[in-house]
N, C-alpha and C. Protein backbone atom coordinates (compact mmCIF):
# COMPACT_ATOMS: atom_id res chain seq x y z
N MET A 1 96.97 125.57 99.21
CA MET A 1 95.62 125.07 99.36
C MET A 1 95.22 125.11 100.84
N VAL A 2 94.01 125.51 101.11
CA VAL A 2 93.49 125.56 102.48
C VAL A 2 93.22 124.13 102.94
N GLN A 3 93.71 123.81 104.15
CA GLN A 3 93.59 122.45 104.66
C GLN A 3 93.07 122.44 106.09
N VAL A 4 92.70 121.26 106.56
CA VAL A 4 92.29 121.08 107.95
C VAL A 4 93.43 121.56 108.85
N GLY A 5 93.06 122.33 109.86
CA GLY A 5 94.04 122.88 110.79
C GLY A 5 94.43 124.31 110.47
N ASP A 6 94.17 124.76 109.24
CA ASP A 6 94.47 126.14 108.85
C ASP A 6 93.42 127.09 109.41
N ALA A 7 93.82 128.34 109.57
CA ALA A 7 92.85 129.39 109.88
C ALA A 7 92.04 129.65 108.61
N ALA A 8 90.74 129.71 108.75
CA ALA A 8 89.87 129.97 107.60
C ALA A 8 90.10 131.39 107.10
N PRO A 9 90.34 131.56 105.81
CA PRO A 9 90.47 132.92 105.29
C PRO A 9 89.18 133.72 105.53
N ASP A 10 89.35 134.89 106.12
CA ASP A 10 88.20 135.75 106.37
C ASP A 10 87.82 136.44 105.06
N PHE A 11 86.56 136.78 104.93
CA PHE A 11 86.11 137.47 103.73
C PHE A 11 84.81 138.20 104.00
N THR A 12 84.52 139.15 103.13
CA THR A 12 83.25 139.86 103.13
C THR A 12 82.71 139.80 101.71
N ALA A 13 81.44 139.44 101.57
CA ALA A 13 80.82 139.33 100.25
C ALA A 13 79.32 139.52 100.40
N PRO A 14 78.64 139.85 99.30
CA PRO A 14 77.18 139.99 99.37
C PRO A 14 76.51 138.63 99.60
N MET A 15 75.44 138.66 100.39
CA MET A 15 74.73 137.43 100.73
C MET A 15 73.23 137.64 100.53
N ARG A 16 72.61 136.64 99.99
CA ARG A 16 71.15 136.63 99.84
C ARG A 16 70.58 135.73 100.92
N SER A 17 69.77 136.30 101.80
CA SER A 17 69.20 135.54 102.92
C SER A 17 67.97 134.75 102.45
N PRO A 18 67.53 133.78 103.22
CA PRO A 18 66.32 133.02 102.86
C PRO A 18 65.07 133.89 102.77
N THR A 19 65.08 135.07 103.42
CA THR A 19 63.92 135.96 103.34
C THR A 19 63.99 136.89 102.14
N GLY A 20 65.08 136.81 101.37
CA GLY A 20 65.21 137.61 100.17
C GLY A 20 66.04 138.87 100.32
N GLU A 21 66.49 139.17 101.53
CA GLU A 21 67.32 140.36 101.74
C GLU A 21 68.72 140.12 101.19
N ILE A 22 69.31 141.17 100.65
CA ILE A 22 70.70 141.11 100.24
C ILE A 22 71.48 141.98 101.21
N THR A 23 72.39 141.35 101.93
CA THR A 23 73.19 142.03 102.94
C THR A 23 74.65 141.67 102.72
N GLU A 24 75.49 142.20 103.57
CA GLU A 24 76.91 141.89 103.52
C GLU A 24 77.21 140.81 104.54
N PHE A 25 77.96 139.80 104.13
CA PHE A 25 78.37 138.71 105.01
C PHE A 25 79.86 138.83 105.25
N THR A 26 80.26 138.76 106.52
CA THR A 26 81.67 138.70 106.89
C THR A 26 81.86 137.46 107.76
N LEU A 27 82.72 136.57 107.30
CA LEU A 27 82.91 135.30 108.01
C LEU A 27 83.25 135.51 109.48
N SER A 28 84.20 136.38 109.78
CA SER A 28 84.64 136.55 111.17
C SER A 28 83.51 137.00 112.08
N ASP A 29 82.50 137.67 111.54
CA ASP A 29 81.34 138.08 112.34
C ASP A 29 80.47 136.90 112.73
N GLU A 30 80.56 135.81 111.99
CA GLU A 30 79.72 134.64 112.25
C GLU A 30 80.38 133.61 113.16
N LEU A 31 81.67 133.76 113.41
CA LEU A 31 82.39 132.81 114.26
C LEU A 31 82.00 133.01 115.72
N GLY A 32 81.95 131.92 116.46
CA GLY A 32 81.60 131.98 117.87
C GLY A 32 80.17 131.59 118.15
N ASP A 33 79.37 131.43 117.10
CA ASP A 33 77.97 131.04 117.27
C ASP A 33 77.73 129.60 116.84
N GLY A 34 78.78 128.80 116.81
CA GLY A 34 78.67 127.42 116.33
C GLY A 34 79.42 127.28 115.02
N PRO A 35 79.62 126.06 114.59
CA PRO A 35 80.37 125.84 113.36
C PRO A 35 79.72 126.51 112.15
N VAL A 36 80.57 126.93 111.22
CA VAL A 36 80.12 127.50 109.95
C VAL A 36 80.47 126.49 108.87
N VAL A 37 79.49 126.17 108.03
CA VAL A 37 79.71 125.26 106.91
C VAL A 37 79.61 126.09 105.63
N LEU A 38 80.68 126.10 104.85
CA LEU A 38 80.70 126.77 103.56
C LEU A 38 80.65 125.71 102.47
N ALA A 39 79.60 125.73 101.67
CA ALA A 39 79.43 124.77 100.58
C ALA A 39 79.59 125.52 99.26
N PHE A 40 80.76 125.39 98.65
CA PHE A 40 81.05 126.05 97.37
C PHE A 40 80.46 125.22 96.24
N PHE A 41 79.86 125.89 95.24
CA PHE A 41 79.31 125.18 94.09
C PHE A 41 79.58 126.00 92.83
N PRO A 42 79.77 125.31 91.68
CA PRO A 42 80.17 126.01 90.46
C PRO A 42 79.17 127.03 89.93
N GLY A 43 77.88 126.72 89.92
CA GLY A 43 76.96 127.68 89.35
C GLY A 43 75.50 127.36 89.60
N ALA A 44 74.75 128.39 89.88
CA ALA A 44 73.30 128.24 90.09
C ALA A 44 72.64 127.75 88.80
N PHE A 45 71.55 127.05 88.96
CA PHE A 45 70.70 126.57 87.87
C PHE A 45 71.31 125.42 87.07
N THR A 46 72.41 124.85 87.51
CA THR A 46 72.94 123.66 86.84
C THR A 46 72.44 122.44 87.59
N SER A 47 72.38 121.32 86.91
CA SER A 47 71.71 120.14 87.49
C SER A 47 72.38 119.62 88.76
N VAL A 48 73.69 119.44 88.75
CA VAL A 48 74.36 118.88 89.93
C VAL A 48 74.33 119.89 91.08
N CYS A 49 74.53 121.16 90.76
CA CYS A 49 74.50 122.18 91.81
C CYS A 49 73.11 122.29 92.44
N THR A 50 72.09 122.19 91.61
CA THR A 50 70.72 122.21 92.13
C THR A 50 70.50 121.00 93.04
N GLY A 51 70.97 119.85 92.60
CA GLY A 51 70.84 118.65 93.43
C GLY A 51 71.56 118.78 94.75
N GLU A 52 72.76 119.33 94.72
CA GLU A 52 73.53 119.51 95.95
C GLU A 52 72.84 120.48 96.90
N MET A 53 72.43 121.63 96.39
CA MET A 53 71.82 122.63 97.26
C MET A 53 70.47 122.17 97.81
N THR A 54 69.69 121.44 97.02
CA THR A 54 68.41 120.94 97.54
C THR A 54 68.64 119.81 98.54
N THR A 55 69.70 119.04 98.37
CA THR A 55 70.03 118.02 99.38
C THR A 55 70.42 118.70 100.68
N PHE A 56 71.24 119.74 100.62
CA PHE A 56 71.56 120.49 101.84
C PHE A 56 70.28 121.07 102.45
N ARG A 57 69.39 121.58 101.61
CA ARG A 57 68.11 122.10 102.11
C ARG A 57 67.38 121.02 102.90
N ASP A 58 67.30 119.85 102.34
CA ASP A 58 66.56 118.75 102.97
C ASP A 58 67.25 118.22 104.22
N ARG A 59 68.53 118.46 104.34
CA ARG A 59 69.30 117.95 105.49
C ARG A 59 69.68 119.07 106.47
N LEU A 60 69.11 120.24 106.28
CA LEU A 60 69.50 121.38 107.11
C LEU A 60 69.25 121.14 108.60
N ASP A 61 68.21 120.41 108.94
CA ASP A 61 67.92 120.15 110.35
C ASP A 61 69.08 119.43 111.03
N GLY A 62 69.70 118.49 110.34
CA GLY A 62 70.84 117.78 110.91
C GLY A 62 72.01 118.70 111.18
N LEU A 63 72.25 119.64 110.29
CA LEU A 63 73.32 120.61 110.51
C LEU A 63 72.95 121.58 111.63
N ALA A 64 71.69 121.98 111.65
CA ALA A 64 71.23 122.90 112.71
C ALA A 64 71.31 122.23 114.08
N ASP A 65 71.01 120.93 114.13
CA ASP A 65 71.12 120.20 115.39
C ASP A 65 72.55 120.22 115.93
N ALA A 66 73.52 120.35 115.02
CA ALA A 66 74.93 120.45 115.41
C ALA A 66 75.28 121.88 115.82
N GLY A 67 74.31 122.78 115.72
CA GLY A 67 74.55 124.19 116.05
C GLY A 67 75.27 124.95 114.96
N SER A 68 75.32 124.36 113.77
CA SER A 68 76.07 124.99 112.68
C SER A 68 75.18 125.82 111.77
N SER A 69 75.83 126.72 111.05
CA SER A 69 75.17 127.55 110.06
C SER A 69 75.73 127.18 108.70
N LEU A 70 74.85 127.01 107.72
CA LEU A 70 75.24 126.63 106.37
C LEU A 70 75.12 127.82 105.43
N TYR A 71 76.13 127.98 104.57
CA TYR A 71 76.12 129.03 103.55
C TYR A 71 76.58 128.41 102.24
N GLY A 72 75.79 128.58 101.19
CA GLY A 72 76.22 128.20 99.86
C GLY A 72 77.03 129.35 99.28
N VAL A 73 78.06 129.02 98.50
CA VAL A 73 78.94 130.04 97.93
C VAL A 73 79.17 129.73 96.45
N SER A 74 78.89 130.71 95.59
CA SER A 74 79.23 130.59 94.17
C SER A 74 79.59 131.97 93.63
N ILE A 75 80.04 132.02 92.39
CA ILE A 75 80.41 133.31 91.80
C ILE A 75 79.20 134.04 91.21
N ASP A 76 78.03 133.45 91.33
CA ASP A 76 76.81 134.09 90.82
C ASP A 76 76.48 135.34 91.62
N SER A 77 75.77 136.26 90.99
CA SER A 77 75.36 137.48 91.68
C SER A 77 74.30 137.13 92.73
N PRO A 78 74.16 137.96 93.77
CA PRO A 78 73.13 137.69 94.76
C PRO A 78 71.73 137.75 94.16
N PHE A 79 71.55 138.45 93.06
CA PHE A 79 70.24 138.52 92.40
C PHE A 79 69.92 137.19 91.72
N SER A 80 70.90 136.62 91.01
CA SER A 80 70.72 135.29 90.41
C SER A 80 70.51 134.25 91.50
N LEU A 81 71.30 134.37 92.56
CA LEU A 81 71.16 133.42 93.67
C LEU A 81 69.79 133.52 94.31
N GLY A 82 69.23 134.73 94.33
CA GLY A 82 67.89 134.90 94.88
C GLY A 82 66.86 134.12 94.09
N GLU A 83 66.92 134.20 92.80
CA GLU A 83 65.99 133.45 91.95
C GLU A 83 66.22 131.94 92.09
N PHE A 84 67.48 131.55 92.14
CA PHE A 84 67.84 130.15 92.34
C PHE A 84 67.27 129.64 93.66
N ALA A 85 67.42 130.43 94.72
CA ALA A 85 66.91 130.05 96.04
C ALA A 85 65.39 129.94 96.02
N GLU A 86 64.72 130.89 95.39
CA GLU A 86 63.26 130.85 95.34
C GLU A 86 62.76 129.65 94.56
N GLN A 87 63.34 129.39 93.41
CA GLN A 87 62.89 128.26 92.59
C GLN A 87 63.09 126.92 93.28
N ASN A 88 64.10 126.86 94.15
CA ASN A 88 64.43 125.59 94.81
C ASN A 88 64.10 125.57 96.30
N GLU A 89 63.40 126.61 96.75
CA GLU A 89 62.97 126.71 98.15
C GLU A 89 64.13 126.48 99.12
N LEU A 90 65.26 127.14 98.83
CA LEU A 90 66.43 126.98 99.70
C LEU A 90 66.21 127.79 100.97
N ASN A 91 66.52 127.16 102.08
CA ASN A 91 66.25 127.74 103.40
C ASN A 91 67.52 128.12 104.14
N PHE A 92 68.56 128.45 103.39
CA PHE A 92 69.82 128.90 103.97
C PHE A 92 70.40 129.98 103.06
N PRO A 93 71.28 130.83 103.59
CA PRO A 93 71.82 131.94 102.80
C PRO A 93 72.77 131.48 101.70
N LEU A 94 72.83 132.29 100.64
CA LEU A 94 73.75 132.05 99.53
C LEU A 94 74.63 133.29 99.36
N ILE A 95 75.93 133.05 99.25
CA ILE A 95 76.92 134.12 99.14
C ILE A 95 77.35 134.25 97.68
N GLY A 96 77.30 135.46 97.16
CA GLY A 96 77.70 135.74 95.79
C GLY A 96 79.13 136.27 95.72
N ASP A 97 80.04 135.43 95.29
CA ASP A 97 81.46 135.79 95.20
C ASP A 97 81.77 136.30 93.79
N THR A 98 81.09 137.36 93.40
CA THR A 98 81.22 137.85 92.03
C THR A 98 82.63 138.34 91.70
N ASN A 99 83.38 138.76 92.69
CA ASN A 99 84.76 139.21 92.46
C ASN A 99 85.76 138.05 92.50
N LYS A 100 85.27 136.87 92.82
CA LYS A 100 86.08 135.64 92.86
C LYS A 100 87.19 135.68 93.92
N GLU A 101 87.04 136.56 94.89
CA GLU A 101 88.04 136.67 95.94
C GLU A 101 87.96 135.52 96.93
N VAL A 102 86.75 135.03 97.20
CA VAL A 102 86.58 133.96 98.18
C VAL A 102 87.10 132.65 97.59
N ILE A 103 86.73 132.34 96.35
CA ILE A 103 87.21 131.08 95.76
C ILE A 103 88.73 131.10 95.61
N GLU A 104 89.30 132.27 95.39
CA GLU A 104 90.77 132.37 95.32
C GLU A 104 91.38 132.18 96.70
N ALA A 105 90.80 132.78 97.73
CA ALA A 105 91.33 132.67 99.09
C ALA A 105 91.29 131.22 99.59
N TYR A 106 90.25 130.49 99.19
CA TYR A 106 90.12 129.09 99.61
C TYR A 106 90.76 128.13 98.60
N ASP A 107 91.32 128.68 97.53
CA ASP A 107 92.01 127.91 96.50
C ASP A 107 91.12 126.82 95.90
N VAL A 108 89.90 127.24 95.53
CA VAL A 108 88.95 126.31 94.93
C VAL A 108 88.46 126.85 93.57
N VAL A 109 89.40 127.38 92.79
CA VAL A 109 89.08 127.93 91.47
C VAL A 109 89.21 126.81 90.43
N MET A 110 88.22 126.74 89.54
CA MET A 110 88.21 125.73 88.50
C MET A 110 87.84 126.37 87.17
N ASP A 111 88.40 125.82 86.10
CA ASP A 111 88.08 126.27 84.75
C ASP A 111 87.46 125.11 83.97
N PHE A 112 86.55 125.46 83.08
CA PHE A 112 86.03 124.52 82.09
C PHE A 112 86.57 124.99 80.74
N ALA A 113 87.86 124.71 80.48
CA ALA A 113 88.54 125.25 79.31
C ALA A 113 87.84 124.89 78.01
N ASP A 114 87.35 123.66 77.90
CA ASP A 114 86.70 123.25 76.65
C ASP A 114 85.38 123.96 76.42
N LEU A 115 84.82 124.58 77.46
CA LEU A 115 83.59 125.35 77.32
C LEU A 115 83.86 126.85 77.28
N GLY A 116 85.12 127.22 77.48
CA GLY A 116 85.47 128.64 77.50
C GLY A 116 85.05 129.35 78.76
N ILE A 117 84.88 128.59 79.85
CA ILE A 117 84.46 129.15 81.14
C ILE A 117 85.63 129.06 82.11
N SER A 118 85.96 130.17 82.74
CA SER A 118 87.06 130.14 83.70
C SER A 118 86.65 130.82 85.00
N GLY A 119 87.28 130.36 86.06
CA GLY A 119 87.10 131.01 87.35
C GLY A 119 85.78 130.76 88.05
N VAL A 120 85.36 129.49 88.10
CA VAL A 120 84.19 129.14 88.90
C VAL A 120 84.67 128.35 90.11
N ALA A 121 83.78 128.15 91.07
CA ALA A 121 84.14 127.43 92.29
C ALA A 121 84.18 125.93 92.04
N LYS A 122 85.20 125.28 92.58
CA LYS A 122 85.18 123.82 92.63
C LYS A 122 84.12 123.44 93.65
N ARG A 123 83.45 122.33 93.41
CA ARG A 123 82.50 121.84 94.41
C ARG A 123 83.34 121.45 95.63
N SER A 124 83.07 122.09 96.75
CA SER A 124 83.87 121.86 97.95
C SER A 124 83.08 122.28 99.18
N VAL A 125 83.48 121.71 100.31
CA VAL A 125 82.81 122.01 101.59
C VAL A 125 83.89 122.19 102.66
N PHE A 126 83.73 123.24 103.45
CA PHE A 126 84.61 123.49 104.59
C PHE A 126 83.76 123.67 105.84
N VAL A 127 84.20 123.05 106.93
CA VAL A 127 83.58 123.27 108.24
C VAL A 127 84.59 124.06 109.07
N ILE A 128 84.12 125.14 109.66
CA ILE A 128 84.98 126.06 110.41
C ILE A 128 84.46 126.14 111.84
N ASP A 129 85.33 125.93 112.81
CA ASP A 129 84.88 125.95 114.20
C ASP A 129 84.82 127.38 114.74
N ASP A 130 84.41 127.51 116.00
CA ASP A 130 84.21 128.82 116.62
C ASP A 130 85.48 129.68 116.64
N ASP A 131 86.64 129.01 116.63
CA ASP A 131 87.91 129.73 116.67
C ASP A 131 88.42 130.12 115.28
N GLY A 132 87.65 129.76 114.24
CA GLY A 132 88.06 130.10 112.89
C GLY A 132 88.99 129.09 112.25
N GLU A 133 89.11 127.91 112.86
CA GLU A 133 89.96 126.86 112.30
C GLU A 133 89.15 125.94 111.40
N ILE A 134 89.73 125.58 110.29
CA ILE A 134 89.08 124.62 109.39
C ILE A 134 89.24 123.23 110.00
N THR A 135 88.11 122.60 110.30
CA THR A 135 88.13 121.27 110.91
C THR A 135 87.75 120.18 109.92
N TYR A 136 87.26 120.58 108.76
CA TYR A 136 86.89 119.62 107.72
C TYR A 136 87.02 120.32 106.38
N ALA A 137 87.63 119.62 105.42
CA ALA A 137 87.76 120.17 104.07
C ALA A 137 87.56 119.03 103.07
N TRP A 138 86.66 119.26 102.13
CA TRP A 138 86.42 118.32 101.03
C TRP A 138 86.39 119.14 99.75
N ILE A 139 87.24 118.77 98.80
CA ILE A 139 87.35 119.49 97.54
C ILE A 139 87.34 118.46 96.41
N SER A 140 86.48 118.68 95.43
CA SER A 140 86.40 117.76 94.29
C SER A 140 86.92 118.44 93.02
N ASP A 141 87.74 117.72 92.29
CA ASP A 141 88.17 118.19 90.98
C ASP A 141 87.16 117.81 89.91
N ASP A 142 86.18 117.01 90.28
CA ASP A 142 85.12 116.58 89.35
C ASP A 142 83.82 117.28 89.75
N PRO A 143 83.35 118.23 88.94
CA PRO A 143 82.15 118.98 89.31
C PRO A 143 80.88 118.12 89.36
N GLY A 144 80.96 116.89 88.87
CA GLY A 144 79.80 116.01 88.90
C GLY A 144 79.67 115.20 90.18
N VAL A 145 80.65 115.33 91.07
CA VAL A 145 80.66 114.58 92.32
C VAL A 145 80.16 115.46 93.45
N GLU A 146 79.18 114.95 94.20
CA GLU A 146 78.65 115.69 95.35
C GLU A 146 79.35 115.23 96.63
N PRO A 147 79.33 116.06 97.66
CA PRO A 147 79.96 115.67 98.93
C PRO A 147 79.21 114.54 99.61
N ASP A 148 79.88 113.90 100.54
CA ASP A 148 79.25 112.89 101.40
C ASP A 148 78.53 113.67 102.51
N TYR A 149 77.22 113.76 102.38
CA TYR A 149 76.44 114.61 103.29
C TYR A 149 76.49 114.12 104.73
N ASP A 150 76.54 112.80 104.93
CA ASP A 150 76.68 112.27 106.29
C ASP A 150 78.01 112.70 106.90
N GLU A 151 79.06 112.70 106.09
CA GLU A 151 80.38 113.11 106.56
C GLU A 151 80.40 114.59 106.93
N VAL A 152 79.74 115.42 106.13
CA VAL A 152 79.65 116.86 106.43
C VAL A 152 78.92 117.08 107.75
N GLU A 153 77.80 116.38 107.92
CA GLU A 153 77.02 116.51 109.15
C GLU A 153 77.83 116.05 110.37
N SER A 154 78.55 114.94 110.21
CA SER A 154 79.39 114.44 111.28
C SER A 154 80.49 115.45 111.62
N ALA A 155 81.11 116.04 110.60
CA ALA A 155 82.16 117.05 110.82
C ALA A 155 81.59 118.27 111.54
N ALA A 156 80.38 118.67 111.19
CA ALA A 156 79.75 119.80 111.88
C ALA A 156 79.49 119.47 113.35
N ASN A 157 79.06 118.24 113.61
CA ASN A 157 78.86 117.81 115.00
C ASN A 157 80.16 117.80 115.77
N ASP A 158 81.25 117.36 115.13
CA ASP A 158 82.54 117.28 115.80
C ASP A 158 83.13 118.67 116.06
N ALA A 159 82.79 119.63 115.22
CA ALA A 159 83.35 120.99 115.39
C ALA A 159 82.71 121.68 116.57
């Protein structure tokens, strides 16, 4: 499991920007410009995930004041994420981990066996400093629990 003090696993995946462009995101290319916050969520268009992403939207200024960049990450396609972002007026990029390589690298894979759904992201947040070190990690085994947003903002400030 990825923990505080570990080097953040590098990855490349498709990303949907707030302007609607779909580009390639590589974590290592973003390091050095301030902390990177990765907010993993199980799936677009679900109630708790929508609540989490809109809360991050509403609190983005606090993260930006810390000099950090926020990225939502799920296994949804960048096209689905685009519609999700538009419907919820999300003002930060969303990364589509359709190959499930990122959730595996960060060890945040969860199954909903009773629903027949496997391989979605656990709700989790990682703050990564300029050197690529994980300085904050929060992982929930309960998809109904949202992160402590004040704690995330504080961790971004500390990074």
